[in-house]
Amino acid sequence: MSESLTNHHVLIVEDDAVTRSRVAAYLEKAGYQVSESEDGESVHRLLADTDIAVVLLDINLPGTDGLAIAKELSEKTDVGIILVSARDDEIDRIVGLEIGADDYVTKPFNPRELVARVKNLIRRIHRGRVTAVPARNVSFSGWTLDRSRRSLSSDGRASIPLTRGEFELLTAFLDHPGETLHREWLMEKVTHRTSDPNERIIDVLVRRLRTKLEPDTPEPTIILTVHGEGYLFASEVL
């Protein structure tokens, strides 16, 4: 692991003590600092007191469920979120991505794969912070993307925050307007992996962006579907 990515702090929110300890051991062996919580009650306190980079969040927690916690974290913080579930359910995956989680893994998982996903997400966060400083704002179709704040604004409308995945996908579109972009290429730009078992992540993120950019338009005019190939950003970029 490069120097810039070492010593990052990971919070494990998992009610099963055996699973929690096992995951903590693997992450500590990989060089991460680790905090643990058995429920969602202490998450906000830990985030306030500690510089957490990534939260590994079990969906099925006692009390407040993991999806509700993930939604709140994605709206109010910049922490990376990896959802963990015992159910390999496509609906859970889609809902998790819809509310702003960055990744999703199912139990039982390969510890090496989990560590790799944590490392990959931290790299994404790090790249975003590094590239955000010199980046200029970009305008299109009456919208302005503030790259440093990762938000959209338009005259007469409140600023709209973007999740990390939404921001990275929109940035890819803005960098290649008028081009047909294949899902596989977009997947690599968003996840920074050459392949991903959840191929629908791009479709989910496109749907989320369309809802924010054209909430009252039955037929999208900004991000177009190119059937059998991918998507095309049809707006002029200024």
C-alpha atoms as a PDB file:
ATOM      1  CA  MET A   1       0.000   0.000   0.000  1.00  0.00           C
ATOM      2  CA  SER A   2       1.388   3.424  -0.910  1.00  0.00           C
ATOM      3  CA  GLU A   3       2.305   5.842   1.813  1.00  0.00           C
ATOM      4  CA  SER A   4      -0.634   8.124   1.104  1.00  0.00           C
ATOM      5  CA  LEU A   5      -3.083   5.292   1.745  1.00  0.00           C
ATOM      6  CA  THR A   6      -1.648   3.852   4.958  1.00  0.00           C
ATOM      7  CA  ASN A   7      -2.999   4.169   8.477  1.00  0.00           C
ATOM      8  CA  HIS A   8      -6.552   4.882   7.398  1.00  0.00           C
ATOM      9  CA  HIS A   9      -9.259   4.168   9.931  1.00  0.00           C
ATOM     10  CA  VAL A  10     -12.064   1.691   9.263  1.00  0.00           C
ATOM     11  CA  LEU A  11     -15.190   1.401  11.400  1.00  0.00           C
ATOM     12  CA  ILE A  12     -16.845  -2.034  11.533  1.00  0.00           C
ATOM     13  CA  VAL A  13     -20.530  -1.943  12.483  1.00  0.00           C
ATOM     14  CA  GLU A  14     -21.557  -5.567  13.000  1.00  0.00           C
ATOM     15  CA  ASP A  15     -23.677  -7.167  15.732  1.00  0.00           C
ATOM     16  CA  ASP A  16     -22.068 -10.614  15.449  1.00  0.00           C
ATOM     17  CA  ALA A  17     -18.969 -10.560  17.661  1.00  0.00           C
ATOM     18  CA  VAL A  18     -17.205 -13.420  15.862  1.00  0.00           C
ATOM     19  CA  THR A  19     -17.616 -11.846  12.427  1.00  0.00           C
ATOM     20  CA  ARG A  20     -16.649  -8.432  13.770  1.00  0.00           C
ATOM     21  CA  SER A  21     -13.443  -9.730  15.380  1.00  0.00           C
ATOM     22  CA  ARG A  22     -12.516 -11.736  12.302  1.00  0.00           C
ATOM     23  CA  VAL A  23     -12.913  -8.773   9.969  1.00  0.00           C
ATOM     24  CA  ALA A  24     -11.034  -6.500  12.375  1.00  0.00           C
ATOM     25  CA  ALA A  25      -8.116  -8.935  12.490  1.00  0.00           C
ATOM     26  CA  TYR A  26      -7.806  -9.054   8.701  1.00  0.00           C
ATOM     27  CA  LEU A  27      -7.973  -5.275   8.364  1.00  0.00           C
ATOM     28  CA  GLU A  28      -5.433  -4.700  11.135  1.00  0.00           C
ATOM     29  CA  LYS A  29      -3.112  -7.223   9.507  1.00  0.00           C
ATOM     30  CA  ALA A  30      -3.431  -5.214   6.278  1.00  0.00           C
ATOM     31  CA  GLY A  31      -2.276  -2.093   8.132  1.00  0.00           C
ATOM     32  CA  TYR A  32      -5.543  -0.317   8.918  1.00  0.00           C
ATOM     33  CA  GLN A  33      -6.635   1.192  12.190  1.00  0.00           C
ATOM     34  CA  VAL A  34      -9.933  -0.365  13.244  1.00  0.00           C
ATOM     35  CA  SER A  35     -12.811   0.625  15.504  1.00  0.00           C
ATOM     36  CA  GLU A  36     -15.752  -1.651  16.234  1.00  0.00           C
ATOM     37  CA  SER A  37     -19.424  -1.180  17.050  1.00  0.00           C
ATOM     38  CA  GLU A  38     -22.143  -3.767  17.612  1.00  0.00           C
ATOM     39  CA  ASP A  39     -25.015  -1.457  16.662  1.00  0.00           C
ATOM     40  CA  GLY A  40     -25.758   1.859  15.019  1.00  0.00           C
ATOM     41  CA  GLU A  41     -26.119   3.863  18.217  1.00  0.00           C
ATOM     42  CA  SER A  42     -22.428   4.740  18.536  1.00  0.00           C
ATOM     43  CA  VAL A  43     -21.707   5.364  14.848  1.00  0.00           C
ATOM     44  CA  HIS A  44     -22.159   9.133  14.946  1.00  0.00           C
ATOM     45  CA  ARG A  45     -20.108   9.490  18.121  1.00  0.00           C
ATOM     46  CA  LEU A  46     -17.259   7.466  16.625  1.00  0.00           C
ATOM     47  CA  LEU A  47     -17.373   9.497  13.419  1.00  0.00           C
ATOM     48  CA  ALA A  48     -17.285  12.735  15.411  1.00  0.00           C
ATOM     49  CA  ASP A  49     -14.382  11.606  17.594  1.00  0.00           C
ATOM     50  CA  THR A  50     -12.314   9.729  15.002  1.00  0.00           C
ATOM     51  CA  ASP A  51     -11.181  10.388  11.441  1.00  0.00           C
ATOM     52  CA  ILE A  52     -12.972   7.427   9.864  1.00  0.00           C
ATOM     53  CA  ALA A  53     -12.290   6.774   6.171  1.00  0.00           C
ATOM     54  CA  VAL A  54     -14.591   3.800   5.554  1.00  0.00           C
ATOM     55  CA  VAL A  55     -17.546   2.263   7.386  1.00  0.00           C
ATOM     56  CA  LEU A  56     -18.237  -1.453   6.957  1.00  0.00           C
ATOM     57  CA  LEU A  57     -21.927  -1.504   7.769  1.00  0.00           C
ATOM     58  CA  ASP A  58     -24.029  -4.610   8.302  1.00  0.00           C
ATOM     59  CA  ILE A  59     -27.560  -4.188   6.974  1.00  0.00           C
ATOM     60  CA  ASN A  60     -29.324  -6.310   9.592  1.00  0.00           C
ATOM     61  CA  LEU A  61     -28.495  -4.496  12.825  1.00  0.00           C
ATOM     62  CA  PRO A  62     -30.562  -4.455  16.012  1.00  0.00           C
ATOM     63  CA  GLY A  63     -32.474  -1.207  16.412  1.00  0.00           C
ATOM     64  CA  THR A  64     -31.844   1.162  13.517  1.00  0.00           C
ATOM     65  CA  ASP A  65     -31.175  -0.893  10.401  1.00  0.00           C
ATOM     66  CA  GLY A  66     -28.025  -0.491   8.359  1.00  0.00           C
ATOM     67  CA  LEU A  67     -29.772   0.933   5.298  1.00  0.00           C
ATOM     68  CA  ALA A  68     -31.198   3.828   7.311  1.00  0.00           C
ATOM     69  CA  ILE A  69     -27.767   4.536   8.799  1.00  0.00           C
ATOM     70  CA  ALA A  70     -26.138   4.363   5.359  1.00  0.00           C
ATOM     71  CA  LYS A  71     -28.651   6.829   3.927  1.00  0.00           C
ATOM     72  CA  GLU A  72     -27.978   9.314   6.710  1.00  0.00           C
ATOM     73  CA  LEU A  73     -24.204   8.926   6.402  1.00  0.00           C
ATOM     74  CA  SER A  74     -24.270   9.421   2.631  1.00  0.00           C
ATOM     75  CA  GLU A  75     -26.312  12.614   3.031  1.00  0.00           C
ATOM     76  CA  LYS A  76     -24.369  14.166   5.911  1.00  0.00           C
ATOM     77  CA  THR A  77     -20.783  12.893   5.668  1.00  0.00           C
ATOM     78  CA  ASP A  78     -18.076  12.102   3.125  1.00  0.00           C
ATOM     79  CA  VAL A  79     -17.193   8.738   4.661  1.00  0.00           C
ATOM     80  CA  GLY A  80     -16.923   5.702   2.398  1.00  0.00           C
ATOM     81  CA  ILE A  81     -19.688   3.129   2.927  1.00  0.00           C
ATOM     82  CA  ILE A  82     -19.496  -0.600   2.221  1.00  0.00           C
ATOM     83  CA  LEU A  83     -22.706  -2.457   3.031  1.00  0.00           C
ATOM     84  CA  VAL A  84     -22.442  -6.031   4.299  1.00  0.00           C
ATOM     85  CA  SER A  85     -25.349  -8.468   4.149  1.00  0.00           C
ATOM     86  CA  ALA A  86     -26.016 -12.165   4.653  1.00  0.00           C
ATOM     87  CA  ARG A  87     -28.498 -12.026   1.765  1.00  0.00           C
ATOM     88  CA  ASP A  88     -27.283 -12.123  -1.824  1.00  0.00           C
ATOM     89  CA  ASP A  89     -30.366 -10.224  -2.923  1.00  0.00           C
ATOM     90  CA  GLU A  90     -30.341  -8.035  -6.026  1.00  0.00           C
ATOM     91  CA  ILE A  91     -32.990  -5.785  -4.473  1.00  0.00           C
ATOM     92  CA  ASP A  92     -30.799  -5.160  -1.414  1.00  0.00           C
ATOM     93  CA  ARG A  93     -27.875  -4.302  -3.681  1.00  0.00           C
ATOM     94  CA  ILE A  94     -29.905  -1.835  -5.713  1.00  0.00           C
ATOM     95  CA  VAL A  95     -31.471  -0.220  -2.640  1.00  0.00           C
ATOM     96  CA  GLY A  96     -28.032   0.108  -1.070  1.00  0.00           C
ATOM     97  CA  LEU A  97     -26.666   1.860  -4.140  1.00  0.00           C
ATOM     98  CA  GLU A  98     -29.790   3.996  -4.431  1.00  0.00           C
ATOM     99  CA  ILE A  99     -29.263   5.442  -0.953  1.00  0.00           C
ATOM    100  CA  GLY A 100     -25.632   6.266  -1.637  1.00  0.00           C
ATOM    101  CA  ALA A 101     -23.512   3.318  -0.487  1.00  0.00           C
ATOM    102  CA  ASP A 102     -20.225   2.932  -2.366  1.00  0.00           C
ATOM    103  CA  ASP A 103     -20.045  -0.854  -2.402  1.00  0.00           C
ATOM    104  CA  TYR A 104     -21.876  -3.996  -1.290  1.00  0.00           C
ATOM    105  CA  VAL A 105     -20.551  -7.396  -0.202  1.00  0.00           C
ATOM    106  CA  THR A 106     -22.356 -10.536   0.906  1.00  0.00           C
ATOM    107  CA  LYS A 107     -21.551 -13.067   3.609  1.00  0.00           C
ATOM    108  CA  PRO A 108     -19.687 -15.320   3.612  1.00  0.00           C
ATOM    109  CA  PHE A 109     -17.036 -13.161   1.971  1.00  0.00           C
ATOM    110  CA  ASN A 110     -13.423 -13.760   1.116  1.00  0.00           C
ATOM    111  CA  PRO A 111     -11.365 -11.713   3.615  1.00  0.00           C
ATOM    112  CA  ARG A 112      -8.830 -10.799   0.939  1.00  0.00           C
ATOM    113  CA  GLU A 113     -11.602  -9.525  -1.318  1.00  0.00           C
ATOM    114  CA  LEU A 114     -13.038  -7.433   1.511  1.00  0.00           C
ATOM    115  CA  VAL A 115      -9.640  -5.892   2.265  1.00  0.00           C
ATOM    116  CA  ALA A 116      -9.188  -5.217  -1.464  1.00  0.00           C
ATOM    117  CA  ARG A 117     -12.555  -3.462  -1.618  1.00  0.00           C
ATOM    118  CA  VAL A 118     -11.668  -1.306   1.388  1.00  0.00           C
ATOM    119  CA  LYS A 119      -8.340  -0.409  -0.206  1.00  0.00           C
ATOM    120  CA  ASN A 120     -10.027   0.386  -3.516  1.00  0.00           C
ATOM    121  CA  LEU A 121     -12.616   2.631  -1.871  1.00  0.00           C
ATOM    122  CA  ILE A 122      -9.963   4.519   0.087  1.00  0.00           C
ATOM    123  CA  ARG A 123      -8.069   5.025  -3.171  1.00  0.00           C
ATOM    124  CA  ARG A 124     -11.237   6.455  -4.745  1.00  0.00           C
ATOM    125  CA  ILE A 125     -11.701   8.823  -1.799  1.00  0.00           C
ATOM    126  CA  HIS A 126      -8.056   9.860  -1.937  1.00  0.00           C
ATOM    127  CA  ARG A 127      -8.160  10.500  -5.682  1.00  0.00           C
ATOM    128  CA  GLY A 128     -11.295  12.578  -5.306  1.00  0.00           C
ATOM    129  CA  ARG A 129      -9.690  14.798  -2.684  1.00  0.00           C
ATOM    130  CA  VAL A 130      -6.497  15.236  -4.683  1.00  0.00           C
ATOM    131  CA  THR A 131      -8.194  16.074  -7.973  1.00  0.00           C
ATOM    132  CA  ALA A 132     -10.890  18.260  -6.433  1.00  0.00           C
ATOM    133  CA  VAL A 133      -8.503  21.107  -5.513  1.00  0.00           C
ATOM    134  CA  PRO A 134      -7.533  22.404  -8.990  1.00  0.00           C
ATOM    135  CA  ALA A 135     -10.738  21.347 -10.747  1.00  0.00           C
ATOM    136  CA  ARG A 136     -12.957  24.029 -12.225  1.00  0.00           C
ATOM    137  CA  ASN A 137     -16.721  24.161 -12.111  1.00  0.00           C
ATOM    138  CA  VAL A 138     -18.544  22.859 -15.171  1.00  0.00           C
ATOM    139  CA  SER A 139     -21.883  24.045 -16.577  1.00  0.00           C
ATOM    140  CA  PHE A 140     -24.441  22.232 -18.727  1.00  0.00           C
ATOM    141  CA  SER A 141     -28.196  22.511 -19.414  1.00  0.00           C
ATOM    142  CA  GLY A 142     -28.680  25.198 -16.763  1.00  0.00           C
ATOM    143  CA  TRP A 143     -26.757  23.228 -14.132  1.00  0.00           C
ATOM    144  CA  THR A 144     -23.346  23.894 -12.584  1.00  0.00           C
ATOM    145  CA  LEU A 145     -21.246  21.137 -11.064  1.00  0.00           C
ATOM    146  CA  ASP A 146     -19.089  22.315  -8.170  1.00  0.00           C
ATOM    147  CA  ARG A 147     -16.308  19.735  -8.275  1.00  0.00           C
ATOM    148  CA  SER A 148     -14.721  20.807  -5.008  1.00  0.00           C
ATOM    149  CA  ARG A 149     -17.999  20.500  -3.071  1.00  0.00           C
ATOM    150  CA  ARG A 150     -19.357  17.588  -5.116  1.00  0.00           C
ATOM    151  CA  SER A 151     -22.697  19.294  -5.617  1.00  0.00           C
ATOM    152  CA  LEU A 152     -25.032  20.549  -8.346  1.00  0.00           C
ATOM    153  CA  SER A 153     -26.657  23.966  -8.434  1.00  0.00           C
ATOM    154  CA  SER A 154     -29.096  25.738 -10.718  1.00  0.00           C
ATOM    155  CA  ASP A 155     -30.802  29.136 -10.702  1.00  0.00           C
ATOM    156  CA  GLY A 156     -33.745  29.124  -8.334  1.00  0.00           C
ATOM    157  CA  ARG A 157     -32.937  25.714  -6.883  1.00  0.00           C
ATOM    158  CA  ALA A 158     -31.136  24.639  -3.747  1.00  0.00           C
ATOM    159  CA  SER A 159     -27.740  22.990  -4.118  1.00  0.00           C
ATOM    160  CA  ILE A 160     -28.024  19.227  -4.578  1.00  0.00           C
ATOM    161  CA  PRO A 161     -25.323  17.006  -3.041  1.00  0.00           C
ATOM    162  CA  LEU A 162     -24.040  14.034  -5.016  1.00  0.00           C
ATOM    163  CA  THR A 163     -22.885  10.700  -3.687  1.00  0.00           C
ATOM    164  CA  ARG A 164     -19.350   9.653  -4.597  1.00  0.00           C
ATOM    165  CA  GLY A 165     -20.630   7.278  -7.279  1.00  0.00           C
ATOM    166  CA  GLU A 166     -22.968   9.874  -8.793  1.00  0.00           C
ATOM    167  CA  PHE A 167     -20.183  12.450  -8.857  1.00  0.00           C
ATOM    168  CA  GLU A 168     -17.675  10.111 -10.511  1.00  0.00           C
ATOM    169  CA  LEU A 169     -20.209   8.999 -13.118  1.00  0.00           C
ATOM    170  CA  LEU A 170     -21.279  12.562 -13.926  1.00  0.00           C
ATOM    171  CA  THR A 171     -17.626  13.607 -14.175  1.00  0.00           C
ATOM    172  CA  ALA A 172     -17.013  10.795 -16.673  1.00  0.00           C
ATOM    173  CA  PHE A 173     -19.950  12.008 -18.774  1.00  0.00           C
ATOM    174  CA  LEU A 174     -18.821  15.644 -18.602  1.00  0.00           C
ATOM    175  CA  ASP A 175     -15.315  14.696 -19.712  1.00  0.00           C
ATOM    176  CA  HIS A 176     -16.713  12.866 -22.770  1.00  0.00           C
ATOM    177  CA  PRO A 177     -19.824  14.724 -23.999  1.00  0.00           C
ATOM    178  CA  GLY A 178     -21.424  13.442 -27.171  1.00  0.00           C
ATOM    179  CA  GLU A 179     -19.652  10.082 -26.971  1.00  0.00           C
ATOM    180  CA  THR A 180     -21.265   6.690 -26.506  1.00  0.00           C
ATOM    181  CA  LEU A 181     -19.773   5.321 -23.294  1.00  0.00           C
ATOM    182  CA  HIS A 182     -20.014   1.593 -22.694  1.00  0.00           C
ATOM    183  CA  ARG A 183     -21.106   0.265 -19.307  1.00  0.00           C
ATOM    184  CA  GLU A 184     -17.831  -1.601 -18.824  1.00  0.00           C
ATOM    185  CA  TRP A 185     -15.821   1.593 -19.340  1.00  0.00           C
ATOM    186  CA  LEU A 186     -18.100   3.560 -17.031  1.00  0.00           C
ATOM    187  CA  MET A 187     -17.849   0.786 -14.437  1.00  0.00           C
ATOM    188  CA  GLU A 188     -14.078   1.113 -14.394  1.00  0.00           C
ATOM    189  CA  LYS A 189     -14.308   4.900 -14.056  1.00  0.00           C
ATOM    190  CA  VAL A 190     -16.738   4.668 -11.141  1.00  0.00           C
ATOM    191  CA  THR A 191     -15.406   1.650  -9.228  1.00  0.00           C
ATOM    192  CA  HIS A 192     -11.766   1.765 -10.432  1.00  0.00           C
ATOM    193  CA  ARG A 193     -11.980  -1.975 -11.013  1.00  0.00           C
ATOM    194  CA  THR A 194     -11.808  -3.609 -14.429  1.00  0.00           C
ATOM    195  CA  SER A 195     -14.800  -5.788 -13.527  1.00  0.00           C
ATOM    196  CA  ASP A 196     -17.516  -5.875 -10.914  1.00  0.00           C
ATOM    197  CA  PRO A 197     -20.021  -8.613 -10.081  1.00  0.00           C
ATOM    198  CA  ASN A 198     -22.812  -6.065  -9.788  1.00  0.00           C
ATOM    199  CA  GLU A 199     -23.225  -4.905 -13.370  1.00  0.00           C
ATOM    200  CA  ARG A 200     -26.350  -2.875 -12.596  1.00  0.00           C
ATOM    201  CA  ILE A 201     -24.480  -0.265 -10.576  1.00  0.00           C
ATOM    202  CA  ILE A 202     -24.165   2.010 -13.630  1.00  0.00           C
ATOM    203  CA  ASP A 203     -27.878   1.747 -14.443  1.00  0.00           C
ATOM    204  CA  VAL A 204     -28.740   2.584 -10.829  1.00  0.00           C
ATOM    205  CA  LEU A 205     -26.443   5.617 -10.790  1.00  0.00           C
ATOM    206  CA  VAL A 206     -27.750   6.839 -14.147  1.00  0.00           C
ATOM    207  CA  ARG A 207     -31.305   6.616 -12.835  1.00  0.00           C
ATOM    208  CA  ARG A 208     -30.314   8.605  -9.742  1.00  0.00           C
ATOM    209  CA  LEU A 209     -28.628  11.303 -11.833  1.00  0.00           C
ATOM    210  CA  ARG A 210     -31.604  11.559 -14.162  1.00  0.00           C
ATOM    211  CA  THR A 211     -33.915  11.997 -11.177  1.00  0.00           C
ATOM    212  CA  LYS A 212     -31.802  14.898  -9.934  1.00  0.00           C
ATOM    213  CA  LEU A 213     -31.155  16.546 -13.304  1.00  0.00           C
ATOM    214  CA  GLU A 214     -34.585  16.134 -14.911  1.00  0.00           C
ATOM    215  CA  PRO A 215     -37.052  15.187 -12.159  1.00  0.00           C
ATOM    216  CA  ASP A 216     -40.172  16.156 -14.121  1.00  0.00           C
ATOM    217  CA  THR A 217     -39.131  14.969 -17.578  1.00  0.00           C
ATOM    218  CA  PRO A 218     -40.644  11.642 -18.722  1.00  0.00           C
ATOM    219  CA  GLU A 219     -38.086  11.303 -21.521  1.00  0.00           C
ATOM    220  CA  PRO A 220     -34.500  12.183 -20.500  1.00  0.00           C
ATOM    221  CA  THR A 221     -32.651  14.647 -22.721  1.00  0.00           C
ATOM    222  CA  ILE A 222     -29.327  14.976 -20.885  1.00  0.00           C
ATOM    223  CA  ILE A 223     -28.193  11.374 -20.362  1.00  0.00           C
ATOM    224  CA  LEU A 224     -29.446   9.228 -23.222  1.00  0.00           C
ATOM    225  CA  THR A 225     -29.563   5.442 -23.393  1.00  0.00           C
ATOM    226  CA  VAL A 226     -27.796   3.892 -26.378  1.00  0.00           C
ATOM    227  CA  HIS A 227     -29.468   0.492 -26.499  1.00  0.00           C
ATOM    228  CA  GLY A 228     -27.091  -2.436 -26.501  1.00  0.00           C
ATOM    229  CA  GLU A 229     -24.081  -0.204 -25.870  1.00  0.00           C
ATOM    230  CA  GLY A 230     -24.330   2.209 -22.940  1.00  0.00           C
ATOM    231  CA  TYR A 231     -25.065   5.892 -22.444  1.00  0.00           C
ATOM    232  CA  LEU A 232     -24.426   9.243 -24.124  1.00  0.00           C
ATOM    233  CA  PHE A 233     -24.226  12.676 -22.488  1.00  0.00           C
ATOM    234  CA  ALA A 234     -26.162  14.870 -24.918  1.00  0.00           C
ATOM    235  CA  SER A 235     -25.770  18.325 -23.334  1.00  0.00           C
ATOM    236  CA  GLU A 236     -23.222  20.935 -24.314  1.00  0.00           C
ATOM    237  CA  VAL A 237     -20.553  21.299 -21.635  1.00  0.00           C
ATOM    238  CA  LEU A 238     -19.277  24.799 -20.866  1.00  0.00           C
END
